[in-house]
Amino acid sequence: QVQFVESGGGLVQSGGSLRLSCVVKGMTIRHYGMGWFRQAPGKQRELVANVAFDDSTSYEAFVQGRFAVSRDNTKNTIYLQMNNLKPEDTAIYYCREVPRRPANFWGQGTQVTVSS
């Protein structure tokens, strides 16, 4: 069974930074694109950024220039460096393979709270 274990969230002031990590167990990530998603209270879960198996990256417009996604296949881990955080970035952040496979499930996520 595949597990996604996210960490690194916390409470930070507007303009601050956080670095999220996601350790993947039960699946070798080098064969997959990987992505970060987030879900704010009362909203749908949305894609934030993804890193392909060839290390190419893409970002949603609302984080472009502020967030950076990366991967370390030797550690089976992906990262999300978040800079210049805004209150609207407050959400639970999750990682998953991209595209998502029906056999896998979401992890617990890590809470990011940005105060104004």
C-alpha atoms as a PDB file:
ATOM      1  CA  GLN A   1       0.000   0.000   0.000  1.00  0.00           C
ATOM      2  CA  VAL A   2       1.310   3.427  -0.969  1.00  0.00           C
ATOM      3  CA  GLN A   3       1.627   6.056   1.753  1.00  0.00           C
ATOM      4  CA  PHE A   4       2.208   9.787   1.373  1.00  0.00           C
ATOM      5  CA  VAL A   5       3.645  11.367   4.526  1.00  0.00           C
ATOM      6  CA  GLU A   6       3.619  15.158   4.453  1.00  0.00           C
ATOM      7  CA  SER A   7       5.377  17.394   6.983  1.00  0.00           C
ATOM      8  CA  GLY A   8       6.793  20.870   7.476  1.00  0.00           C
ATOM      9  CA  GLY A   9       3.619  22.904   7.850  1.00  0.00           C
ATOM     10  CA  GLY A  10       3.013  25.423  10.585  1.00  0.00           C
ATOM     11  CA  LEU A  11       1.929  28.927  11.496  1.00  0.00           C
ATOM     12  CA  VAL A  12       3.776  31.752   9.775  1.00  0.00           C
ATOM     13  CA  GLN A  13       3.229  35.469   9.293  1.00  0.00           C
ATOM     14  CA  SER A  14       2.367  36.944   5.927  1.00  0.00           C
ATOM     15  CA  GLY A  15       5.544  37.252   3.866  1.00  0.00           C
ATOM     16  CA  GLY A  16       7.198  34.334   5.634  1.00  0.00           C
ATOM     17  CA  SER A  17       8.500  31.024   4.295  1.00  0.00           C
ATOM     18  CA  LEU A  18       8.005  27.318   4.884  1.00  0.00           C
ATOM     19  CA  ARG A  19       9.445  24.178   3.319  1.00  0.00           C
ATOM     20  CA  LEU A  20       7.190  21.167   3.028  1.00  0.00           C
ATOM     21  CA  SER A  21       8.392  17.603   2.590  1.00  0.00           C
ATOM     22  CA  CYS A  22       6.587  14.508   1.401  1.00  0.00           C
ATOM     23  CA  VAL A  23       8.064  11.062   1.911  1.00  0.00           C
ATOM     24  CA  VAL A  24       6.474   8.399  -0.272  1.00  0.00           C
ATOM     25  CA  LYS A  25       6.401   4.796   0.912  1.00  0.00           C
ATOM     26  CA  GLY A  26       5.480   1.753  -1.157  1.00  0.00           C
ATOM     27  CA  MET A  27       6.112   3.400  -4.524  1.00  0.00           C
ATOM     28  CA  THR A  28       9.312   4.435  -6.308  1.00  0.00           C
ATOM     29  CA  ILE A  29       8.711   8.048  -7.262  1.00  0.00           C
ATOM     30  CA  ARG A  30      11.353   8.269  -9.994  1.00  0.00           C
ATOM     31  CA  HIS A  31       8.895   6.593 -12.328  1.00  0.00           C
ATOM     32  CA  TYR A  32       6.168   9.185 -11.693  1.00  0.00           C
ATOM     33  CA  GLY A  33       5.315  12.799 -11.905  1.00  0.00           C
ATOM     34  CA  MET A  34       4.588  14.155  -8.433  1.00  0.00           C
ATOM     35  CA  GLY A  35       2.460  17.072  -7.326  1.00  0.00           C
ATOM     36  CA  TRP A  36       1.498  19.237  -4.394  1.00  0.00           C
ATOM     37  CA  PHE A  37      -2.178  19.945  -3.811  1.00  0.00           C
ATOM     38  CA  ARG A  38      -3.988  22.012  -1.199  1.00  0.00           C
ATOM     39  CA  GLN A  39      -7.444  22.286   0.280  1.00  0.00           C
ATOM     40  CA  ALA A  40      -8.654  25.376   2.093  1.00  0.00           C
ATOM     41  CA  PRO A  41     -11.694  25.281   4.395  1.00  0.00           C
ATOM     42  CA  GLY A  42     -14.902  25.106   2.373  1.00  0.00           C
ATOM     43  CA  LYS A  43     -13.071  24.781  -0.939  1.00  0.00           C
ATOM     44  CA  GLN A  44     -12.201  22.004  -3.361  1.00  0.00           C
ATOM     45  CA  ARG A  45      -8.753  20.464  -3.324  1.00  0.00           C
ATOM     46  CA  GLU A  46      -6.602  22.093  -6.003  1.00  0.00           C
ATOM     47  CA  LEU A  47      -3.282  21.451  -7.697  1.00  0.00           C
ATOM     48  CA  VAL A  48      -0.503  23.829  -6.663  1.00  0.00           C
ATOM     49  CA  ALA A  49       2.591  22.587  -8.479  1.00  0.00           C
ATOM     50  CA  ASN A  50       4.041  19.466 -10.004  1.00  0.00           C
ATOM     51  CA  VAL A  51       7.420  18.044 -10.930  1.00  0.00           C
ATOM     52  CA  ALA A  52       7.651  15.541 -13.763  1.00  0.00           C
ATOM     53  CA  PHE A  53       9.866  12.437 -13.794  1.00  0.00           C
ATOM     54  CA  ASP A  54      12.385  14.462 -15.869  1.00  0.00           C
ATOM     55  CA  ASP A  55      12.450  17.236 -13.202  1.00  0.00           C
ATOM     56  CA  SER A  56      10.503  19.711 -15.321  1.00  0.00           C
ATOM     57  CA  THR A  57       8.130  21.768 -13.180  1.00  0.00           C
ATOM     58  CA  SER A  58       4.873  23.632 -13.570  1.00  0.00           C
ATOM     59  CA  TYR A  59       2.926  25.926 -11.259  1.00  0.00           C
ATOM     60  CA  GLU A  60      -0.532  27.312 -10.916  1.00  0.00           C
ATOM     61  CA  ALA A  61      -0.710  31.063 -11.493  1.00  0.00           C
ATOM     62  CA  PHE A  62      -1.506  31.854  -7.870  1.00  0.00           C
ATOM     63  CA  VAL A  63       1.881  30.505  -6.664  1.00  0.00           C
ATOM     64  CA  GLN A  64       4.050  31.229  -9.704  1.00  0.00           C
ATOM     65  CA  GLY A  65       7.241  33.011  -8.638  1.00  0.00           C
ATOM     66  CA  ARG A  66       6.691  32.298  -4.918  1.00  0.00           C
ATOM     67  CA  PHE A  67       6.757  28.487  -4.633  1.00  0.00           C
ATOM     68  CA  ALA A  68       9.331  25.980  -5.890  1.00  0.00           C
ATOM     69  CA  VAL A  69       8.773  22.231  -6.172  1.00  0.00           C
ATOM     70  CA  SER A  70      11.641  19.744  -6.277  1.00  0.00           C
ATOM     71  CA  ARG A  71      12.298  16.048  -5.863  1.00  0.00           C
ATOM     72  CA  ASP A  72      15.015  13.795  -4.477  1.00  0.00           C
ATOM     73  CA  ASN A  73      14.552  10.349  -5.957  1.00  0.00           C
ATOM     74  CA  THR A  74      17.293   8.896  -3.736  1.00  0.00           C
ATOM     75  CA  LYS A  75      15.162   9.766  -0.700  1.00  0.00           C
ATOM     76  CA  ASN A  76      11.821   9.080  -2.414  1.00  0.00           C
ATOM     77  CA  THR A  77      10.825  12.569  -1.299  1.00  0.00           C
ATOM     78  CA  ILE A  78       9.432  15.712  -2.864  1.00  0.00           C
ATOM     79  CA  TYR A  79       9.604  19.236  -1.478  1.00  0.00           C
ATOM     80  CA  LEU A  80       7.717  22.492  -1.733  1.00  0.00           C
ATOM     81  CA  GLN A  81       9.586  25.673  -0.862  1.00  0.00           C
ATOM     82  CA  MET A  82       7.027  28.373  -0.167  1.00  0.00           C
ATOM     83  CA  ASN A  83       8.142  32.001  -0.005  1.00  0.00           C
ATOM     84  CA  ASN A  84       6.266  35.270   0.417  1.00  0.00           C
ATOM     85  CA  LEU A  85       3.322  33.414   1.896  1.00  0.00           C
ATOM     86  CA  LYS A  86      -0.075  35.086   1.904  1.00  0.00           C
ATOM     87  CA  PRO A  87      -3.145  34.483   4.104  1.00  0.00           C
ATOM     88  CA  GLU A  88      -4.914  32.957   1.092  1.00  0.00           C
ATOM     89  CA  ASP A  89      -2.259  30.219   1.061  1.00  0.00           C
ATOM     90  CA  THR A  90      -3.751  28.887   4.300  1.00  0.00           C
ATOM     91  CA  ALA A  91      -4.771  25.274   3.629  1.00  0.00           C
ATOM     92  CA  ILE A  92      -3.900  21.654   4.204  1.00  0.00           C
ATOM     93  CA  TYR A  93      -1.194  20.645   1.744  1.00  0.00           C
ATOM     94  CA  TYR A  94      -0.972  17.164   0.259  1.00  0.00           C
ATOM     95  CA  CYS A  95       1.283  15.361  -2.188  1.00  0.00           C
ATOM     96  CA  ARG A  96       0.300  12.714  -4.721  1.00  0.00           C
ATOM     97  CA  GLU A  97       1.513  11.140  -7.913  1.00  0.00           C
ATOM     98  CA  VAL A  98       0.437  12.974 -11.081  1.00  0.00           C
ATOM     99  CA  PRO A  99      -1.685  11.781 -12.734  1.00  0.00           C
ATOM    100  CA  ARG A 100      -3.361  10.268  -9.704  1.00  0.00           C
ATOM    101  CA  ARG A 101      -3.920   6.507  -9.683  1.00  0.00           C
ATOM    102  CA  PRO A 102      -7.295   5.265  -8.371  1.00  0.00           C
ATOM    103  CA  ALA A 103      -5.601   2.584  -6.250  1.00  0.00           C
ATOM    104  CA  ASN A 104      -3.838   5.181  -4.075  1.00  0.00           C
ATOM    105  CA  PHE A 105      -5.232   7.351  -1.317  1.00  0.00           C
ATOM    106  CA  TRP A 106      -4.498  10.780   0.087  1.00  0.00           C
ATOM    107  CA  GLY A 107      -2.249  11.150   3.120  1.00  0.00           C
ATOM    108  CA  GLN A 108      -3.005  13.212   6.207  1.00  0.00           C
ATOM    109  CA  GLY A 109      -1.543  16.359   4.733  1.00  0.00           C
ATOM    110  CA  THR A 110       0.220  19.143   6.602  1.00  0.00           C
ATOM    111  CA  GLN A 111      -1.507  22.308   7.800  1.00  0.00           C
ATOM    112  CA  VAL A 112      -0.178  25.666   6.657  1.00  0.00           C
ATOM    113  CA  THR A 113      -1.608  28.736   8.340  1.00  0.00           C
ATOM    114  CA  VAL A 114      -0.576  32.236   7.286  1.00  0.00           C
ATOM    115  CA  SER A 115      -1.541  35.111   9.547  1.00  0.00           C
ATOM    116  CA  SER A 116      -1.971  38.654   8.252  1.00  0.00           C
END
